[in-house]
Amino acid sequence: MADRPERGEKPAGGPARPRVRLDLPRAPRRALLPEYDPEAFGRLSERVARFLGTGRFIVWMTLVIVVWVLWNIFAPEHLKFDQYPFIFLTLMLSLQASYAAPLILLAQNRQDDRDRVNLEQDRKQNERSIADTEYLTREIAALRMGLGEVATRDWIRSEFQDLIKEMDERRLFPLESDEGDR
């Protein structure tokens, strides 16, 4: 096997080309788009959506808007950054809403996925419970049928009483008398 070039060596008569190995994963390609972790992004969107649905967010948002409006009404002219129609405030609220809506939808989709998985697990658990219950019902029915053929204590007692009566009638046992004790 001296004829075969080692990995990375040039084979005789051709350009250097590394041997492709099927047991190793390919090297990652350079992507044009930035890479991100969808799970991390989903968790972040859920945290943002949870915060946007709280009273704390509404209070803070109200305070920011009130301060913004009061500042731009009562501050000196050279310190005002958003004049009366408050176009910059409108732009900021629109920007906040344009980011909040998709994040909330993403969080809802993730919750729907979790609910779907939980529902499927509950359905499988219910099927197992029903199968177990049916099995136990069949076993109890089989035991009842088997017990119907087993001699019970009361049945044996009644059979012994019947035998004793029959023996008394045939006088197989002599009646005890006072003479036998002497």
N, C-alpha and C. Protein backbone atom coordinates (compact mmCIF):
# COMPACT_ATOMS: atom_id res chain seq x y z
N MET A 1 0.81 -1.19 0.00
CA MET A 1 0.00 0.00 0.00
C MET A 1 0.85 1.26 0.00
N ALA A 2 2.07 1.13 -0.36
CA ALA A 2 2.96 2.29 -0.44
C ALA A 2 2.57 3.20 -1.58
N ASP A 3 1.75 2.70 -2.50
CA ASP A 3 1.34 3.51 -3.65
C ASP A 3 0.34 4.59 -3.26
N ARG A 4 -0.43 4.37 -2.19
CA ARG A 4 -1.48 5.31 -1.80
C ARG A 4 -0.88 6.48 -1.04
N PRO A 5 -1.23 7.69 -1.42
CA PRO A 5 -0.72 8.84 -0.68
C PRO A 5 -1.45 8.97 0.65
N GLU A 6 -0.78 9.50 1.63
CA GLU A 6 -1.39 9.78 2.93
C GLU A 6 -2.32 10.97 2.81
N ARG A 7 -3.12 11.18 3.81
CA ARG A 7 -4.05 12.29 3.78
C ARG A 7 -3.29 13.61 3.70
N GLY A 8 -3.68 14.43 2.77
CA GLY A 8 -3.06 15.74 2.60
C GLY A 8 -1.91 15.73 1.62
N GLU A 9 -1.40 14.56 1.28
CA GLU A 9 -0.32 14.50 0.30
C GLU A 9 -0.91 14.55 -1.10
N LYS A 10 -0.08 14.98 -2.02
CA LYS A 10 -0.52 15.03 -3.41
C LYS A 10 -0.42 13.64 -4.01
N PRO A 11 -1.50 13.18 -4.65
CA PRO A 11 -1.35 11.92 -5.36
C PRO A 11 -0.51 12.15 -6.61
N ALA A 12 0.12 11.12 -7.04
CA ALA A 12 0.98 11.26 -8.22
C ALA A 12 0.12 11.60 -9.43
N GLY A 13 0.46 12.67 -10.11
CA GLY A 13 -0.21 13.01 -11.35
C GLY A 13 -1.48 13.82 -11.17
N GLY A 14 -1.78 14.42 -10.03
CA GLY A 14 -3.02 15.19 -9.88
C GLY A 14 -2.90 16.26 -8.83
N PRO A 15 -3.91 17.14 -8.73
CA PRO A 15 -3.85 18.20 -7.72
C PRO A 15 -4.11 17.63 -6.33
N ALA A 16 -3.66 18.36 -5.32
CA ALA A 16 -3.86 17.92 -3.93
C ALA A 16 -5.35 18.04 -3.57
N ARG A 17 -5.92 16.96 -3.15
CA ARG A 17 -7.33 16.96 -2.77
C ARG A 17 -7.49 16.02 -1.59
N PRO A 18 -7.96 16.52 -0.45
CA PRO A 18 -8.08 15.62 0.71
C PRO A 18 -9.12 14.54 0.46
N ARG A 19 -8.85 13.39 1.00
CA ARG A 19 -9.77 12.27 0.84
C ARG A 19 -11.03 12.54 1.67
N VAL A 20 -12.17 12.30 1.08
CA VAL A 20 -13.44 12.53 1.78
C VAL A 20 -13.70 11.34 2.69
N ARG A 21 -13.95 11.65 3.96
CA ARG A 21 -14.26 10.58 4.92
C ARG A 21 -15.74 10.64 5.26
N LEU A 22 -16.38 9.52 5.16
CA LEU A 22 -17.82 9.48 5.41
C LEU A 22 -18.15 9.34 6.88
N ASP A 23 -17.16 8.99 7.69
CA ASP A 23 -17.43 8.82 9.12
C ASP A 23 -17.25 10.12 9.91
N LEU A 24 -16.89 11.19 9.25
CA LEU A 24 -16.71 12.48 9.91
C LEU A 24 -17.72 13.48 9.36
N PRO A 25 -18.25 14.35 10.23
CA PRO A 25 -19.19 15.36 9.72
C PRO A 25 -18.45 16.38 8.87
N ARG A 26 -19.19 17.00 7.99
CA ARG A 26 -18.60 18.03 7.15
C ARG A 26 -18.26 19.26 7.98
N ALA A 27 -17.28 19.98 7.51
CA ALA A 27 -16.93 21.23 8.18
C ALA A 27 -18.06 22.22 7.94
N PRO A 28 -18.38 23.03 8.94
CA PRO A 28 -19.48 23.98 8.75
C PRO A 28 -19.15 25.00 7.67
N ARG A 29 -20.15 25.35 6.91
CA ARG A 29 -19.99 26.34 5.85
C ARG A 29 -20.15 27.73 6.41
N ARG A 30 -19.57 28.66 5.72
CA ARG A 30 -19.78 30.05 6.12
C ARG A 30 -21.16 30.46 5.64
N ALA A 31 -21.94 31.03 6.54
CA ALA A 31 -23.29 31.45 6.18
C ALA A 31 -23.30 32.95 5.92
N LEU A 32 -24.17 33.35 5.01
CA LEU A 32 -24.32 34.77 4.74
C LEU A 32 -25.12 35.47 5.83
N LEU A 33 -26.08 34.73 6.40
CA LEU A 33 -26.91 35.30 7.46
C LEU A 33 -26.28 34.99 8.82
N PRO A 34 -26.50 35.85 9.79
CA PRO A 34 -25.96 35.56 11.12
C PRO A 34 -26.67 34.35 11.72
N GLU A 35 -25.94 33.57 12.51
CA GLU A 35 -26.51 32.40 13.15
C GLU A 35 -27.04 32.80 14.52
N TYR A 36 -28.11 32.14 14.92
CA TYR A 36 -28.69 32.40 16.24
C TYR A 36 -29.30 31.10 16.76
N ASP A 37 -29.46 31.05 18.04
CA ASP A 37 -30.06 29.88 18.68
C ASP A 37 -31.57 30.11 18.78
N PRO A 38 -32.38 29.34 18.06
CA PRO A 38 -33.82 29.58 18.09
C PRO A 38 -34.42 29.40 19.48
N GLU A 39 -33.87 28.46 20.27
CA GLU A 39 -34.40 28.26 21.62
C GLU A 39 -34.14 29.48 22.50
N ALA A 40 -32.93 30.02 22.41
CA ALA A 40 -32.60 31.20 23.22
C ALA A 40 -33.47 32.38 22.79
N PHE A 41 -33.66 32.54 21.49
CA PHE A 41 -34.50 33.62 20.99
C PHE A 41 -35.94 33.42 21.45
N GLY A 42 -36.42 32.19 21.43
CA GLY A 42 -37.78 31.90 21.89
C GLY A 42 -37.95 32.19 23.37
N ARG A 43 -36.94 31.80 24.17
CA ARG A 43 -37.02 32.10 25.62
C ARG A 43 -37.03 33.59 25.87
N LEU A 44 -36.21 34.33 25.11
CA LEU A 44 -36.19 35.79 25.25
C LEU A 44 -37.55 36.37 24.88
N SER A 45 -38.14 35.89 23.80
CA SER A 45 -39.45 36.42 23.39
C SER A 45 -40.51 36.12 24.44
N GLU A 46 -40.42 34.96 25.09
CA GLU A 46 -41.38 34.65 26.15
C GLU A 46 -41.21 35.56 27.35
N ARG A 47 -39.96 35.85 27.70
CA ARG A 47 -39.74 36.77 28.83
C ARG A 47 -40.28 38.15 28.51
N VAL A 48 -40.03 38.64 27.28
CA VAL A 48 -40.53 39.96 26.89
C VAL A 48 -42.05 39.96 26.89
N ALA A 49 -42.65 38.90 26.32
CA ALA A 49 -44.12 38.83 26.28
C ALA A 49 -44.70 38.78 27.68
N ARG A 50 -44.05 38.04 28.58
CA ARG A 50 -44.54 37.99 29.96
C ARG A 50 -44.46 39.36 30.61
N PHE A 51 -43.37 40.09 30.35
CA PHE A 51 -43.22 41.42 30.93
C PHE A 51 -44.25 42.39 30.36
N LEU A 52 -44.50 42.31 29.04
CA LEU A 52 -45.45 43.22 28.42
C LEU A 52 -46.87 42.99 28.92
N GLY A 53 -47.14 41.84 29.49
CA GLY A 53 -48.47 41.55 30.00
C GLY A 53 -48.64 41.83 31.47
N THR A 54 -47.74 42.60 32.06
CA THR A 54 -47.83 42.86 33.51
C THR A 54 -48.28 44.28 33.78
N GLY A 55 -48.75 44.49 34.99
CA GLY A 55 -49.12 45.83 35.43
C GLY A 55 -47.89 46.72 35.57
N ARG A 56 -46.75 46.12 35.91
CA ARG A 56 -45.51 46.89 36.05
C ARG A 56 -45.17 47.57 34.72
N PHE A 57 -45.31 46.83 33.60
CA PHE A 57 -45.03 47.43 32.30
C PHE A 57 -45.97 48.60 32.02
N ILE A 58 -47.23 48.43 32.31
CA ILE A 58 -48.21 49.50 32.05
C ILE A 58 -47.88 50.73 32.89
N VAL A 59 -47.52 50.51 34.15
CA VAL A 59 -47.17 51.65 35.02
C VAL A 59 -45.94 52.37 34.47
N TRP A 60 -44.88 51.62 34.14
CA TRP A 60 -43.66 52.24 33.62
C TRP A 60 -43.92 52.95 32.29
N MET A 61 -44.68 52.32 31.42
CA MET A 61 -44.98 52.94 30.13
C MET A 61 -45.78 54.23 30.33
N THR A 62 -46.73 54.20 31.25
CA THR A 62 -47.52 55.40 31.53
C THR A 62 -46.63 56.50 32.08
N LEU A 63 -45.73 56.15 33.00
CA LEU A 63 -44.83 57.15 33.57
C LEU A 63 -43.93 57.75 32.50
N VAL A 64 -43.39 56.92 31.63
CA VAL A 64 -42.52 57.43 30.57
C VAL A 64 -43.28 58.38 29.66
N ILE A 65 -44.49 58.02 29.28
CA ILE A 65 -45.28 58.87 28.39
C ILE A 65 -45.65 60.18 29.06
N VAL A 66 -46.06 60.11 30.35
CA VAL A 66 -46.42 61.34 31.07
C VAL A 66 -45.22 62.26 31.20
N VAL A 67 -44.05 61.69 31.57
CA VAL A 67 -42.84 62.51 31.68
C VAL A 67 -42.48 63.10 30.33
N TRP A 68 -42.57 62.30 29.30
CA TRP A 68 -42.25 62.75 27.93
C TRP A 68 -43.13 63.94 27.56
N VAL A 69 -44.42 63.80 27.75
CA VAL A 69 -45.36 64.86 27.36
C VAL A 69 -45.14 66.10 28.22
N LEU A 70 -45.03 65.93 29.54
CA LEU A 70 -44.84 67.09 30.41
C LEU A 70 -43.52 67.80 30.11
N TRP A 71 -42.47 67.02 29.88
CA TRP A 71 -41.18 67.63 29.55
C TRP A 71 -41.29 68.47 28.28
N ASN A 72 -41.94 67.95 27.26
CA ASN A 72 -42.01 68.64 25.98
C ASN A 72 -43.05 69.76 25.97
N ILE A 73 -43.85 69.87 27.02
CA ILE A 73 -44.78 71.00 27.13
C ILE A 73 -44.17 72.11 27.98
N PHE A 74 -43.60 71.74 29.14
CA PHE A 74 -43.17 72.75 30.11
C PHE A 74 -41.67 73.04 30.12
N ALA A 75 -40.87 72.31 29.44
CA ALA A 75 -39.42 72.56 29.43
C ALA A 75 -39.12 73.80 28.58
N PRO A 76 -37.97 74.42 28.82
CA PRO A 76 -37.58 75.55 27.97
C PRO A 76 -37.45 75.09 26.51
N GLU A 77 -37.63 76.03 25.61
CA GLU A 77 -37.66 75.73 24.18
C GLU A 77 -36.42 74.99 23.70
N HIS A 78 -35.26 75.39 24.16
CA HIS A 78 -34.04 74.77 23.67
C HIS A 78 -33.83 73.34 24.21
N LEU A 79 -34.58 72.91 25.25
CA LEU A 79 -34.46 71.56 25.82
C LEU A 79 -35.55 70.61 25.31
N LYS A 80 -36.55 71.13 24.63
CA LYS A 80 -37.62 70.27 24.10
C LYS A 80 -37.07 69.47 22.93
N PHE A 81 -37.36 68.19 22.90
CA PHE A 81 -36.88 67.36 21.79
C PHE A 81 -38.02 66.82 20.94
N ASP A 82 -39.29 67.07 21.36
CA ASP A 82 -40.44 66.59 20.59
C ASP A 82 -41.55 67.61 20.77
N GLN A 83 -41.82 68.41 19.75
CA GLN A 83 -42.82 69.48 19.85
C GLN A 83 -44.23 68.91 19.87
N TYR A 84 -45.21 69.79 20.03
CA TYR A 84 -46.59 69.44 20.36
C TYR A 84 -47.20 68.23 19.66
N PRO A 85 -47.19 68.05 18.41
CA PRO A 85 -47.93 66.86 17.94
C PRO A 85 -47.26 65.56 18.39
N PHE A 86 -46.09 65.68 19.04
CA PHE A 86 -45.38 64.54 19.61
C PHE A 86 -45.16 63.43 18.58
N ILE A 87 -44.60 63.80 17.47
CA ILE A 87 -44.38 62.85 16.38
C ILE A 87 -43.31 61.82 16.78
N PHE A 88 -42.30 62.25 17.50
CA PHE A 88 -41.26 61.31 17.92
C PHE A 88 -41.83 60.30 18.93
N LEU A 89 -42.70 60.75 19.83
CA LEU A 89 -43.36 59.84 20.78
C LEU A 89 -44.20 58.81 20.03
N THR A 90 -44.94 59.27 19.04
CA THR A 90 -45.75 58.36 18.23
C THR A 90 -44.86 57.34 17.52
N LEU A 91 -43.73 57.82 17.00
CA LEU A 91 -42.79 56.91 16.33
C LEU A 91 -42.25 55.87 17.31
N MET A 92 -41.90 56.28 18.52
CA MET A 92 -41.36 55.35 19.51
C MET A 92 -42.42 54.33 19.94
N LEU A 93 -43.66 54.77 20.12
CA LEU A 93 -44.72 53.84 20.50
C LEU A 93 -45.01 52.86 19.36
N SER A 94 -44.96 53.34 18.13
CA SER A 94 -45.16 52.45 16.98
C SER A 94 -44.03 51.44 16.89
N LEU A 95 -42.81 51.89 17.12
CA LEU A 95 -41.67 50.98 17.08
C LEU A 95 -41.79 49.91 18.17
N GLN A 96 -42.17 50.35 19.36
CA GLN A 96 -42.35 49.40 20.47
C GLN A 96 -43.44 48.39 20.12
N ALA A 97 -44.54 48.84 19.55
CA ALA A 97 -45.63 47.94 19.19
C ALA A 97 -45.23 47.00 18.05
N SER A 98 -44.44 47.50 17.11
CA SER A 98 -44.04 46.66 15.98
C SER A 98 -43.10 45.54 16.42
N TYR A 99 -42.36 45.74 17.50
CA TYR A 99 -41.53 44.66 18.02
C TYR A 99 -42.29 43.78 19.00
N ALA A 100 -43.20 44.37 19.75
CA ALA A 100 -43.93 43.62 20.77
C ALA A 100 -44.86 42.59 20.14
N ALA A 101 -45.56 42.97 19.07
CA ALA A 101 -46.54 42.06 18.48
C ALA A 101 -45.91 40.75 17.99
N PRO A 102 -44.83 40.78 17.20
CA PRO A 102 -44.26 39.49 16.78
C PRO A 102 -43.68 38.68 17.95
N LEU A 103 -43.11 39.36 18.93
CA LEU A 103 -42.58 38.62 20.08
C LEU A 103 -43.70 37.93 20.85
N ILE A 104 -44.82 38.61 21.00
CA ILE A 104 -45.97 38.01 21.68
C ILE A 104 -46.49 36.82 20.87
N LEU A 105 -46.57 36.97 19.55
CA LEU A 105 -47.03 35.87 18.71
C LEU A 105 -46.08 34.67 18.78
N LEU A 106 -44.79 34.94 18.80
CA LEU A 106 -43.81 33.86 18.91
C LEU A 106 -43.97 33.14 20.24
N ALA A 107 -44.15 33.90 21.31
CA ALA A 107 -44.34 33.29 22.63
C ALA A 107 -45.63 32.46 22.65
N GLN A 108 -46.68 32.94 22.00
CA GLN A 108 -47.93 32.18 21.95
C GLN A 108 -47.76 30.90 21.15
N ASN A 109 -47.01 30.95 20.05
CA ASN A 109 -46.77 29.74 19.26
C ASN A 109 -45.99 28.71 20.07
N ARG A 110 -45.00 29.17 20.81
CA ARG A 110 -44.23 28.24 21.65
C ARG A 110 -45.12 27.63 22.72
N GLN A 111 -46.01 28.44 23.29
CA GLN A 111 -46.94 27.91 24.31
C GLN A 111 -47.90 26.91 23.68
N ASP A 112 -48.37 27.19 22.47
CA ASP A 112 -49.23 26.23 21.77
C ASP A 112 -48.51 24.91 21.54
N ASP A 113 -47.25 24.98 21.18
CA ASP A 113 -46.47 23.75 20.97
C ASP A 113 -46.35 22.96 22.26
N ARG A 114 -46.07 23.66 23.37
CA ARG A 114 -45.99 22.98 24.67
C ARG A 114 -47.33 22.37 25.05
N ASP A 115 -48.41 23.11 24.82
CA ASP A 115 -49.75 22.59 25.13
C ASP A 115 -50.07 21.36 24.29
N ARG A 116 -49.67 21.38 23.03
CA ARG A 116 -49.92 20.24 22.14
C ARG A 116 -49.16 19.01 22.65
N VAL A 117 -47.92 19.19 23.07
CA VAL A 117 -47.14 18.07 23.59
C VAL A 117 -47.77 17.55 24.88
N ASN A 118 -48.17 18.45 25.77
CA ASN A 118 -48.81 18.03 27.02
C ASN A 118 -50.12 17.30 26.76
N LEU A 119 -50.89 17.79 25.80
CA LEU A 119 -52.15 17.14 25.46
C LEU A 119 -51.90 15.73 24.93
N GLU A 120 -50.89 15.58 24.10
CA GLU A 120 -50.57 14.25 23.56
C GLU A 120 -50.11 13.32 24.69
N GLN A 121 -49.31 13.83 25.62
CA GLN A 121 -48.89 13.01 26.75
C GLN A 121 -50.08 12.62 27.62
N ASP A 122 -51.00 13.56 27.86
CA ASP A 122 -52.20 13.25 28.63
C ASP A 122 -53.05 12.20 27.92
N ARG A 123 -53.17 12.33 26.60
CA ARG A 123 -53.96 11.36 25.83
C ARG A 123 -53.34 9.96 25.95
N LYS A 124 -52.02 9.87 25.84
CA LYS A 124 -51.37 8.56 25.96
C LYS A 124 -51.53 8.00 27.37
N GLN A 125 -51.43 8.87 28.37
CA GLN A 125 -51.60 8.41 29.75
C GLN A 125 -53.03 7.92 29.97
N ASN A 126 -54.01 8.62 29.40
CA ASN A 126 -55.40 8.17 29.53
C ASN A 126 -55.60 6.83 28.83
N GLU A 127 -55.00 6.65 27.66
CA GLU A 127 -55.12 5.36 26.97
C GLU A 127 -54.51 4.25 27.81
N ARG A 128 -53.37 4.51 28.44
CA ARG A 128 -52.76 3.49 29.31
C ARG A 128 -53.65 3.19 30.50
N SER A 129 -54.24 4.23 31.08
CA SER A 129 -55.13 4.03 32.23
C SER A 129 -56.35 3.22 31.85
N ILE A 130 -56.92 3.50 30.68
CA ILE A 130 -58.09 2.75 30.21
C ILE A 130 -57.70 1.30 29.97
N ALA A 131 -56.55 1.08 29.34
CA ALA A 131 -56.10 -0.30 29.09
C ALA A 131 -55.87 -1.03 30.41
N ASP A 132 -55.27 -0.37 31.39
CA ASP A 132 -55.05 -0.99 32.70
C ASP A 132 -56.38 -1.31 33.37
N THR A 133 -57.32 -0.39 33.29
CA THR A 133 -58.63 -0.60 33.91
C THR A 133 -59.35 -1.77 33.26
N GLU A 134 -59.30 -1.85 31.93
CA GLU A 134 -59.94 -2.97 31.24
C GLU A 134 -59.27 -4.29 31.61
N TYR A 135 -57.96 -4.29 31.73
CA TYR A 135 -57.23 -5.51 32.12
C TYR A 135 -57.66 -5.95 33.52
N LEU A 136 -57.69 -4.99 34.45
CA LEU A 136 -58.08 -5.33 35.82
C LEU A 136 -59.52 -5.81 35.89
N THR A 137 -60.39 -5.23 35.07
CA THR A 137 -61.79 -5.67 35.03
C THR A 137 -61.87 -7.11 34.55
N ARG A 138 -61.12 -7.46 33.52
CA ARG A 138 -61.11 -8.84 33.03
C ARG A 138 -60.56 -9.79 34.10
N GLU A 139 -59.51 -9.36 34.80
CA GLU A 139 -58.94 -10.21 35.85
C GLU A 139 -59.92 -10.44 36.98
N ILE A 140 -60.63 -9.39 37.38
CA ILE A 140 -61.63 -9.53 38.46
C ILE A 140 -62.75 -10.46 38.01
N ALA A 141 -63.19 -10.32 36.76
CA ALA A 141 -64.24 -11.21 36.25
C ALA A 141 -63.75 -12.66 36.25
N ALA A 142 -62.50 -12.88 35.86
CA ALA A 142 -61.96 -14.23 35.86
C ALA A 142 -61.88 -14.79 37.28
N LEU A 143 -61.49 -13.95 38.23
CA LEU A 143 -61.44 -14.40 39.63
C LEU A 143 -62.83 -14.73 40.15
N ARG A 144 -63.80 -13.92 39.80
CA ARG A 144 -65.18 -14.21 40.23
C ARG A 144 -65.67 -15.53 39.64
N MET A 145 -65.36 -15.76 38.38
CA MET A 145 -65.78 -17.02 37.77
C MET A 145 -65.06 -18.19 38.44
N GLY A 146 -63.79 -18.00 38.75
CA GLY A 146 -63.03 -19.06 39.43
C GLY A 146 -63.53 -19.28 40.84
N LEU A 147 -63.92 -18.24 41.53
CA LEU A 147 -64.42 -18.38 42.89
C LEU A 147 -65.79 -19.02 42.92
N GLY A 148 -66.52 -18.92 41.82
CA GLY A 148 -67.84 -19.56 41.78
C GLY A 148 -67.71 -21.07 41.88
N GLU A 149 -66.58 -21.63 41.53
CA GLU A 149 -66.37 -23.07 41.57
C GLU A 149 -65.60 -23.50 42.82
N VAL A 150 -65.17 -22.60 43.64
CA VAL A 150 -64.39 -22.91 44.83
C VAL A 150 -65.33 -23.12 46.01
N ALA A 151 -64.99 -24.10 46.81
CA ALA A 151 -65.79 -24.37 48.00
C ALA A 151 -65.51 -23.31 49.04
N THR A 152 -66.56 -22.68 49.52
CA THR A 152 -66.40 -21.66 50.54
C THR A 152 -66.61 -22.28 51.92
N ARG A 153 -66.28 -21.57 52.94
CA ARG A 153 -66.43 -22.06 54.31
C ARG A 153 -67.89 -22.35 54.63
N ASP A 154 -68.77 -21.47 54.22
CA ASP A 154 -70.20 -21.68 54.50
C ASP A 154 -70.74 -22.91 53.77
N TRP A 155 -70.28 -23.13 52.54
CA TRP A 155 -70.75 -24.29 51.78
C TRP A 155 -70.26 -25.58 52.44
N ILE A 156 -68.98 -25.60 52.85
CA ILE A 156 -68.43 -26.80 53.51
C ILE A 156 -69.16 -27.04 54.82
N ARG A 157 -69.43 -25.98 55.58
CA ARG A 157 -70.14 -26.11 56.85
C ARG A 157 -71.53 -26.71 56.61
N SER A 158 -72.22 -26.22 55.59
CA SER A 158 -73.57 -26.75 55.32
C SER A 158 -73.49 -28.22 54.87
N GLU A 159 -72.46 -28.59 54.11
CA GLU A 159 -72.29 -29.99 53.70
C GLU A 159 -72.03 -30.88 54.90
N PHE A 160 -71.19 -30.43 55.83
CA PHE A 160 -70.95 -31.21 57.05
C PHE A 160 -72.22 -31.36 57.87
N GLN A 161 -72.98 -30.31 57.98
CA GLN A 161 -74.24 -30.40 58.74
C GLN A 161 -75.20 -31.39 58.08
N ASP A 162 -75.26 -31.36 56.75
CA ASP A 162 -76.11 -32.32 56.04
C ASP A 162 -75.64 -33.75 56.27
N LEU A 163 -74.32 -33.98 56.26
CA LEU A 163 -73.79 -35.32 56.51
C LEU A 163 -74.07 -35.78 57.93
N ILE A 164 -73.93 -34.89 58.87
CA ILE A 164 -74.21 -35.24 60.27
C ILE A 164 -75.67 -35.61 60.42
N LYS A 165 -76.56 -34.87 59.80
CA LYS A 165 -77.99 -35.19 59.88
C LYS A 165 -78.26 -36.55 59.23
N GLU A 166 -77.64 -36.79 58.09
CA GLU A 166 -77.84 -38.07 57.40
C GLU A 166 -77.31 -39.22 58.25
N MET A 167 -76.20 -39.04 58.91
CA MET A 167 -75.63 -40.09 59.76
C MET A 167 -76.48 -40.31 60.99
N ASP A 168 -77.02 -39.23 61.51
CA ASP A 168 -77.91 -39.38 62.67
C ASP A 168 -79.15 -40.17 62.28
N GLU A 169 -79.62 -39.90 61.08
CA GLU A 169 -80.81 -40.62 60.64
C GLU A 169 -80.51 -42.10 60.45
N ARG A 170 -79.37 -42.47 60.01
CA ARG A 170 -79.00 -43.87 59.81
C ARG A 170 -78.51 -44.51 61.10
N ARG A 171 -78.30 -43.76 62.08
CA ARG A 171 -77.83 -44.20 63.39
C ARG A 171 -76.48 -44.89 63.30
N LEU A 172 -75.60 -44.27 62.54
CA LEU A 172 -74.27 -44.85 62.46
C LEU A 172 -73.50 -44.57 63.75
N PHE A 173 -73.81 -43.51 64.37
CA PHE A 173 -73.21 -43.20 65.66
C PHE A 173 -74.25 -43.51 66.73
N PRO A 174 -73.93 -44.39 67.64
CA PRO A 174 -74.91 -44.64 68.71
C PRO A 174 -75.02 -43.42 69.59
N LEU A 175 -76.21 -43.23 70.06
CA LEU A 175 -76.44 -42.11 70.95
C LEU A 175 -75.73 -42.37 72.24
N GLU A 176 -75.15 -41.39 72.76
CA GLU A 176 -74.46 -41.56 74.03
C GLU A 176 -75.49 -41.72 75.12
N SER A 177 -75.21 -42.64 75.96
CA SER A 177 -76.15 -42.90 77.07
C SER A 177 -75.41 -42.73 78.37
N ASP A 178 -76.19 -42.77 79.41
CA ASP A 178 -75.61 -42.64 80.73
C ASP A 178 -74.87 -43.92 81.13
N GLU A 179 -75.23 -45.06 80.53
CA GLU A 179 -74.64 -46.32 80.90
C GLU A 179 -73.20 -46.42 80.42
N GLY A 180 -72.87 -45.78 79.36
CA GLY A 180 -71.53 -45.88 78.81
C GLY A 180 -70.51 -45.15 79.63
N ASP A 181 -70.97 -44.26 80.50
CA ASP A 181 -70.03 -43.48 81.29
C ASP A 181 -69.60 -44.28 82.53
N ARG A 182 -70.36 -45.33 82.90
CA ARG A 182 -70.04 -46.04 84.14
C ARG A 182 -68.98 -46.97 83.92
